[in-house]
PDB file of all heavy atoms in Angstrom:
ATOM      1  N   ALA A   1     -14.392   1.091  15.792  1.00  0.00           N
ATOM      2  CA  ALA A   1     -14.917   2.424  15.787  1.00  0.00           C
ATOM      3  C   ALA A   1     -14.801   3.083  14.394  1.00  0.00           C
ATOM      4  O   ALA A   1     -14.833   4.313  14.300  1.00  0.00           O
ATOM      5  CB  ALA A   1     -14.200   3.261  16.818  1.00  0.00           C
ATOM      6  N   TYR A   2     -14.696   2.288  13.334  1.00  0.00           N
ATOM      7  CA  TYR A   2     -14.559   2.848  11.990  1.00  0.00           C
ATOM      8  C   TYR A   2     -15.760   3.697  11.617  1.00  0.00           C
ATOM      9  O   TYR A   2     -16.913   3.304  11.808  1.00  0.00           O
ATOM     10  CB  TYR A   2     -14.428   1.734  10.966  1.00  0.00           C
ATOM     11  CG  TYR A   2     -14.524   2.180   9.526  1.00  0.00           C
ATOM     12  CD1 TYR A   2     -13.551   2.994   8.970  1.00  0.00           C
ATOM     13  CD2 TYR A   2     -15.601   1.857   8.751  1.00  0.00           C
ATOM     14  CE1 TYR A   2     -13.645   3.438   7.657  1.00  0.00           C
ATOM     15  CE2 TYR A   2     -15.724   2.262   7.425  1.00  0.00           C
ATOM     16  CZ  TYR A   2     -14.731   3.074   6.893  1.00  0.00           C
ATOM     17  OH  TYR A   2     -14.821   3.519   5.610  1.00  0.00           O
ATOM     18  N   THR A   3     -15.500   4.912  11.168  1.00  0.00           N
ATOM     19  CA  THR A   3     -16.554   5.837  10.726  1.00  0.00           C
ATOM     20  C   THR A   3     -16.100   6.349   9.380  1.00  0.00           C
ATOM     21  O   THR A   3     -15.007   6.920   9.240  1.00  0.00           O
ATOM     22  CB  THR A   3     -16.701   7.003  11.712  1.00  0.00           C
ATOM     23  OG1 THR A   3     -16.948   6.442  13.013  1.00  0.00           O
ATOM     24  CG2 THR A   3     -17.822   7.900  11.303  1.00  0.00           C
ATOM     25  N   PRO A   4     -16.875   6.139   8.319  1.00  0.00           N
ATOM     26  CA  PRO A   4     -16.463   6.512   6.939  1.00  0.00           C
ATOM     27  C   PRO A   4     -16.162   7.983   6.761  1.00  0.00           C
ATOM     28  O   PRO A   4     -15.337   8.375   5.953  1.00  0.00           O
ATOM     29  CB  PRO A   4     -17.648   6.077   6.103  1.00  0.00           C
ATOM     30  CG  PRO A   4     -18.419   5.124   6.883  1.00  0.00           C
ATOM     31  CD  PRO A   4     -18.198   5.488   8.322  1.00  0.00           C
ATOM     32  N   SER A   5     -16.797   8.850   7.538  1.00  0.00           N
ATOM     33  CA  SER A   5     -16.638  10.282   7.373  1.00  0.00           C
ATOM     34  C   SER A   5     -15.497  10.893   8.179  1.00  0.00           C
ATOM     35  O   SER A   5     -15.307  12.082   8.213  1.00  0.00           O
ATOM     36  CB  SER A   5     -17.922  11.024   7.688  1.00  0.00           C
ATOM     37  OG  SER A   5     -18.277  10.796   9.020  1.00  0.00           O
ATOM     38  N   MET A   6     -14.776  10.006   8.893  1.00  0.00           N
ATOM     39  CA  MET A   6     -13.692  10.504   9.742  1.00  0.00           C
ATOM     40  C   MET A   6     -12.386   9.673   9.431  1.00  0.00           C
ATOM     41  O   MET A   6     -12.458   8.529   9.030  1.00  0.00           O
ATOM     42  CB  MET A   6     -14.017  10.345  11.236  1.00  0.00           C
ATOM     43  CG  MET A   6     -15.082  11.283  11.683  1.00  0.00           C
ATOM     44  SD  MET A   6     -15.250  11.220  13.475  1.00  0.00           S
ATOM     45  CE  MET A   6     -13.667  11.904  13.959  1.00  0.00           C
ATOM     46  N   ASP A   7     -11.278  10.275   9.750  1.00  0.00           N
ATOM     47  CA  ASP A   7      -9.994   9.600   9.612  1.00  0.00           C
ATOM     48  C   ASP A   7      -9.676   8.902  10.939  1.00  0.00           C
ATOM     49  O   ASP A   7      -9.151   9.494  11.858  1.00  0.00           O
ATOM     50  CB  ASP A   7      -8.894  10.624   9.265  1.00  0.00           C
ATOM     51  CG  ASP A   7      -7.542   9.963   9.062  1.00  0.00           C
ATOM     52  OD1 ASP A   7      -7.540   8.720   8.951  1.00  0.00           O
ATOM     53  OD2 ASP A   7      -6.561  10.689   8.989  1.00  0.00           O
ATOM     54  N   THR A   8     -10.050   7.606  10.982  1.00  0.00           N
ATOM     55  CA  THR A   8      -9.851   6.819  12.233  1.00  0.00           C
ATOM     56  C   THR A   8      -8.699   5.852  12.083  1.00  0.00           C
ATOM     57  O   THR A   8      -8.450   5.042  12.939  1.00  0.00           O
ATOM     58  CB  THR A   8     -11.100   6.032  12.572  1.00  0.00           C
ATOM     59  OG1 THR A   8     -11.439   5.185  11.456  1.00  0.00           O
ATOM     60  CG2 THR A   8     -12.250   6.938  12.870  1.00  0.00           C
ATOM     61  N   GLY A   9      -7.914   5.951  10.975  1.00  0.00           N
ATOM     62  CA  GLY A   9      -6.888   4.963  10.695  1.00  0.00           C
ATOM     63  C   GLY A   9      -5.595   5.175  11.429  1.00  0.00           C
ATOM     64  O   GLY A   9      -5.440   6.173  12.177  1.00  0.00           O
ATOM     65  N   ASP A  10      -4.655   4.295  11.195  1.00  0.00           N
ATOM     66  CA  ASP A  10      -3.359   4.266  11.841  1.00  0.00           C
ATOM     67  C   ASP A  10      -2.292   4.732  10.862  1.00  0.00           C
ATOM     68  O   ASP A  10      -2.522   4.881   9.672  1.00  0.00           O
ATOM     69  CB  ASP A  10      -3.005   2.886  12.331  1.00  0.00           C
ATOM     70  CG  ASP A  10      -3.936   2.390  13.455  1.00  0.00           C
ATOM     71  OD1 ASP A  10      -4.510   3.231  14.138  1.00  0.00           O
ATOM     72  OD2 ASP A  10      -4.069   1.170  13.633  1.00  0.00           O
ATOM     73  N   PHE A  11      -1.097   4.931  11.418  1.00  0.00           N
ATOM     74  CA  PHE A  11       0.046   5.256  10.603  1.00  0.00           C
ATOM     75  C   PHE A  11       0.719   3.991  10.046  1.00  0.00           C
ATOM     76  O   PHE A  11       0.750   2.984  10.762  1.00  0.00           O
ATOM     77  CB  PHE A  11       1.109   5.994  11.425  1.00  0.00           C
ATOM     78  CG  PHE A  11       0.704   7.446  11.776  1.00  0.00           C
ATOM     79  CD1 PHE A  11      -0.084   7.667  12.890  1.00  0.00           C
ATOM     80  CD2 PHE A  11       1.157   8.513  11.033  1.00  0.00           C
ATOM     81  CE1 PHE A  11      -0.433   8.994  13.228  1.00  0.00           C
ATOM     82  CE2 PHE A  11       0.805   9.788  11.320  1.00  0.00           C
ATOM     83  CZ  PHE A  11       0.013  10.023  12.431  1.00  0.00           C
ATOM     84  N   VAL A  12       1.223   4.056   8.837  1.00  0.00           N
ATOM     85  CA  VAL A  12       1.873   2.886   8.235  1.00  0.00           C
ATOM     86  C   VAL A  12       3.240   3.340   7.672  1.00  0.00           C
ATOM     87  O   VAL A  12       3.290   4.286   6.880  1.00  0.00           O
ATOM     88  CB  VAL A  12       1.031   2.242   7.090  1.00  0.00           C
ATOM     89  CG1 VAL A  12       1.747   1.078   6.490  1.00  0.00           C
ATOM     90  CG2 VAL A  12      -0.315   1.807   7.654  1.00  0.00           C
ATOM     91  N   VAL A  13       4.295   2.591   8.080  1.00  0.00           N
ATOM     92  CA  VAL A  13       5.607   2.841   7.539  1.00  0.00           C
ATOM     93  C   VAL A  13       5.976   1.642   6.669  1.00  0.00           C
ATOM     94  O   VAL A  13       5.959   0.510   7.125  1.00  0.00           O
ATOM     95  CB  VAL A  13       6.643   2.963   8.690  1.00  0.00           C
ATOM     96  CG1 VAL A  13       8.054   3.146   8.159  1.00  0.00           C
ATOM     97  CG2 VAL A  13       6.275   4.086   9.613  1.00  0.00           C
ATOM     98  N   VAL A  14       6.308   1.901   5.406  1.00  0.00           N
ATOM     99  CA  VAL A  14       6.655   0.818   4.474  1.00  0.00           C
ATOM    100  C   VAL A  14       8.138   0.895   4.204  1.00  0.00           C
ATOM    101  O   VAL A  14       8.652   1.960   3.808  1.00  0.00           O
ATOM    102  CB  VAL A  14       5.855   0.929   3.174  1.00  0.00           C
ATOM    103  CG1 VAL A  14       6.247  -0.200   2.219  1.00  0.00           C
ATOM    104  CG2 VAL A  14       4.350   0.896   3.444  1.00  0.00           C
ATOM    105  N   VAL A  15       8.870  -0.168   4.438  1.00  0.00           N
ATOM    106  CA  VAL A  15      10.302  -0.213   4.133  1.00  0.00           C
ATOM    107  C   VAL A  15      10.522  -1.237   2.993  1.00  0.00           C
ATOM    108  O   VAL A  15       9.687  -2.087   2.711  1.00  0.00           O
ATOM    109  CB  VAL A  15      11.117  -0.608   5.395  1.00  0.00           C
ATOM    110  CG1 VAL A  15      11.063   0.478   6.427  1.00  0.00           C
ATOM    111  CG2 VAL A  15      10.686  -1.932   5.928  1.00  0.00           C
ATOM    112  N   ASN A  16      11.694  -1.106   2.333  1.00  0.00           N
ATOM    113  CA  ASN A  16      12.051  -1.946   1.188  1.00  0.00           C
ATOM    114  C   ASN A  16      11.030  -1.827   0.045  1.00  0.00           C
ATOM    115  O   ASN A  16      10.672  -2.815  -0.566  1.00  0.00           O
ATOM    116  CB  ASN A  16      12.199  -3.422   1.613  1.00  0.00           C
ATOM    117  CG  ASN A  16      13.406  -3.587   2.477  1.00  0.00           C
ATOM    118  OD1 ASN A  16      14.444  -2.963   2.313  1.00  0.00           O
ATOM    119  ND2 ASN A  16      13.279  -4.437   3.497  1.00  0.00           N
ATOM    120  N   ALA A  17      10.562  -0.609  -0.200  1.00  0.00           N
ATOM    121  CA  ALA A  17       9.558  -0.402  -1.262  1.00  0.00           C
ATOM    122  C   ALA A  17      10.128  -0.749  -2.630  1.00  0.00           C
ATOM    123  O   ALA A  17       9.370  -1.082  -3.532  1.00  0.00           O
ATOM    124  CB  ALA A  17       9.084   1.011  -1.242  1.00  0.00           C
ATOM    125  N   GLY A  18      11.427  -0.686  -2.796  1.00  0.00           N
ATOM    126  CA  GLY A  18      12.006  -1.009  -4.071  1.00  0.00           C
ATOM    127  C   GLY A  18      12.067  -2.495  -4.395  1.00  0.00           C
ATOM    128  O   GLY A  18      12.389  -2.895  -5.533  1.00  0.00           O
ATOM    129  N   LYS A  19      11.696  -3.317  -3.416  1.00  0.00           N
ATOM    130  CA  LYS A  19      11.797  -4.790  -3.612  1.00  0.00           C
ATOM    131  C   LYS A  19      10.411  -5.403  -3.779  1.00  0.00           C
ATOM    132  O   LYS A  19      10.295  -6.634  -3.659  1.00  0.00           O
ATOM    133  CB  LYS A  19      12.497  -5.391  -2.415  1.00  0.00           C
ATOM    134  CG  LYS A  19      13.953  -4.932  -2.278  1.00  0.00           C
ATOM    135  CD  LYS A  19      14.621  -5.544  -1.111  1.00  0.00           C
ATOM    136  CE  LYS A  19      16.035  -5.064  -0.927  1.00  0.00           C
ATOM    137  NZ  LYS A  19      16.649  -5.554   0.274  1.00  0.00           N
ATOM    138  N   VAL A  20       9.378  -4.610  -4.051  1.00  0.00           N
ATOM    139  CA  VAL A  20       8.059  -5.222  -4.307  1.00  0.00           C
ATOM    140  C   VAL A  20       8.096  -5.886  -5.683  1.00  0.00           C
ATOM    141  O   VAL A  20       8.968  -5.683  -6.485  1.00  0.00           O
ATOM    142  CB  VAL A  20       6.951  -4.120  -4.314  1.00  0.00           C
ATOM    143  CG1 VAL A  20       6.780  -3.523  -2.929  1.00  0.00           C
ATOM    144  CG2 VAL A  20       7.245  -3.057  -5.325  1.00  0.00           C
ATOM    145  N   ARG A  21       7.074  -6.752  -5.856  1.00  0.00           N
ATOM    146  CA  ARG A  21       7.045  -7.475  -7.123  1.00  0.00           C
ATOM    147  C   ARG A  21       5.687  -7.291  -7.810  1.00  0.00           C
ATOM    148  O   ARG A  21       4.724  -6.912  -7.165  1.00  0.00           O
ATOM    149  CB  ARG A  21       7.338  -8.975  -6.928  1.00  0.00           C
ATOM    150  CG  ARG A  21       6.320  -9.730  -6.183  1.00  0.00           C
ATOM    151  CD  ARG A  21       6.696 -11.219  -6.027  1.00  0.00           C
ATOM    152  NE  ARG A  21       5.718 -11.930  -5.274  1.00  0.00           N
ATOM    153  CZ  ARG A  21       4.652 -12.503  -5.816  1.00  0.00           C
ATOM    154  NH1 ARG A  21       4.470 -12.463  -7.108  1.00  0.00           N
ATOM    155  NH2 ARG A  21       3.794 -13.154  -5.051  1.00  0.00           N
ATOM    156  N   PHE A  22       5.722  -7.565  -9.117  1.00  0.00           N
ATOM    157  CA  PHE A  22       4.498  -7.468  -9.921  1.00  0.00           C
ATOM    158  C   PHE A  22       4.238  -8.838 -10.533  1.00  0.00           C
ATOM    159  O   PHE A  22       5.157  -9.593 -10.709  1.00  0.00           O
ATOM    160  CB  PHE A  22       4.691  -6.421 -11.058  1.00  0.00           C
ATOM    161  CG  PHE A  22       4.793  -5.047 -10.544  1.00  0.00           C
ATOM    162  CD1 PHE A  22       5.980  -4.491 -10.285  1.00  0.00           C
ATOM    163  CD2 PHE A  22       3.613  -4.298 -10.354  1.00  0.00           C
ATOM    164  CE1 PHE A  22       6.083  -3.148  -9.820  1.00  0.00           C
ATOM    165  CE2 PHE A  22       3.709  -2.987  -9.895  1.00  0.00           C
ATOM    166  CZ  PHE A  22       4.953  -2.459  -9.611  1.00  0.00           C
ATOM    167  N   THR A  23       3.003  -9.081 -10.839  1.00  0.00           N
ATOM    168  CA  THR A  23       2.608 -10.315 -11.499  1.00  0.00           C
ATOM    169  C   THR A  23       2.607 -10.046 -13.008  1.00  0.00           C
ATOM    170  O   THR A  23       2.420  -8.898 -13.453  1.00  0.00           O
ATOM    171  CB  THR A  23       1.265 -10.822 -11.035  1.00  0.00           C
ATOM    172  OG1 THR A  23       0.276  -9.784 -11.235  1.00  0.00           O
ATOM    173  CG2 THR A  23       1.317 -11.170  -9.547  1.00  0.00           C
ATOM    174  N   GLY A  24       2.748 -11.092 -13.778  1.00  0.00           N
ATOM    175  CA  GLY A  24       2.660 -10.981 -15.253  1.00  0.00           C
ATOM    176  C   GLY A  24       3.802 -10.159 -15.811  1.00  0.00           C
ATOM    177  O   GLY A  24       4.917 -10.178 -15.312  1.00  0.00           O
ATOM    178  N   ASN A  25       3.475  -9.373 -16.822  1.00  0.00           N
ATOM    179  CA  ASN A  25       4.483  -8.563 -17.495  1.00  0.00           C
ATOM    180  C   ASN A  25       4.443  -7.087 -17.067  1.00  0.00           C
ATOM    181  O   ASN A  25       4.900  -6.206 -17.830  1.00  0.00           O
ATOM    182  CB  ASN A  25       4.294  -8.658 -19.039  1.00  0.00           C
ATOM    183  CG  ASN A  25       4.513 -10.064 -19.538  1.00  0.00           C
ATOM    184  OD1 ASN A  25       5.372 -10.762 -19.009  1.00  0.00           O
ATOM    185  ND2 ASN A  25       3.773 -10.435 -20.537  1.00  0.00           N
ATOM    186  N   LYS A  26       3.860  -6.792 -15.922  1.00  0.00           N
ATOM    187  CA  LYS A  26       3.696  -5.397 -15.499  1.00  0.00           C
ATOM    188  C   LYS A  26       5.033  -4.652 -15.346  1.00  0.00           C
ATOM    189  O   LYS A  26       5.139  -3.458 -15.543  1.00  0.00           O
ATOM    190  CB  LYS A  26       2.906  -5.320 -14.219  1.00  0.00           C
ATOM    191  CG  LYS A  26       1.483  -5.734 -14.381  1.00  0.00           C
ATOM    192  CD  LYS A  26       0.725  -5.501 -13.057  1.00  0.00           C
ATOM    193  CE  LYS A  26      -0.621  -6.148 -13.091  1.00  0.00           C
ATOM    194  NZ  LYS A  26      -0.568  -7.549 -12.573  1.00  0.00           N
ATOM    195  N   GLU A  27       6.054  -5.411 -14.983  1.00  0.00           N
ATOM    196  CA  GLU A  27       7.368  -4.815 -14.775  1.00  0.00           C
ATOM    197  C   GLU A  27       7.850  -4.103 -16.097  1.00  0.00           C
ATOM    198  O   GLU A  27       8.477  -3.018 -16.011  1.00  0.00           O
ATOM    199  CB  GLU A  27       8.397  -5.867 -14.365  1.00  0.00           C
ATOM    200  CG  GLU A  27       9.774  -5.305 -14.017  1.00  0.00           C
ATOM    201  CD  GLU A  27       9.753  -4.542 -12.705  1.00  0.00           C
ATOM    202  OE1 GLU A  27       9.078  -4.972 -11.746  1.00  0.00           O
ATOM    203  OE2 GLU A  27      10.487  -3.539 -12.618  1.00  0.00           O
ATOM    204  N   THR A  28       7.590  -4.666 -17.211  1.00  0.00           N
ATOM    205  CA  THR A  28       8.035  -4.060 -18.476  1.00  0.00           C
ATOM    206  C   THR A  28       6.926  -3.335 -19.227  1.00  0.00           C
ATOM    207  O   THR A  28       7.197  -2.391 -19.948  1.00  0.00           O
ATOM    208  CB  THR A  28       8.614  -5.175 -19.397  1.00  0.00           C
ATOM    209  OG1 THR A  28       7.635  -6.172 -19.607  1.00  0.00           O
ATOM    210  CG2 THR A  28       9.857  -5.737 -18.835  1.00  0.00           C
ATOM    211  N   ASP A  29       5.660  -3.743 -19.038  1.00  0.00           N
ATOM    212  CA  ASP A  29       4.566  -3.200 -19.818  1.00  0.00           C
ATOM    213  C   ASP A  29       3.829  -2.049 -19.193  1.00  0.00           C
ATOM    214  O   ASP A  29       3.254  -1.195 -19.891  1.00  0.00           O
ATOM    215  CB  ASP A  29       3.532  -4.276 -20.164  1.00  0.00           C
ATOM    216  CG  ASP A  29       4.151  -5.392 -21.054  1.00  0.00           C
ATOM    217  OD1 ASP A  29       5.254  -5.177 -21.556  1.00  0.00           O
ATOM    218  OD2 ASP A  29       3.494  -6.403 -21.209  1.00  0.00           O
TER     219      ASP A  29
END
């Protein structure tokens, strides 16, 4: 039932956000 002009999405809870990783040198650059 996705409709671009309406908010039809769900709720998202993200835990351990501090433990994500980056590719390449993004961590320092």
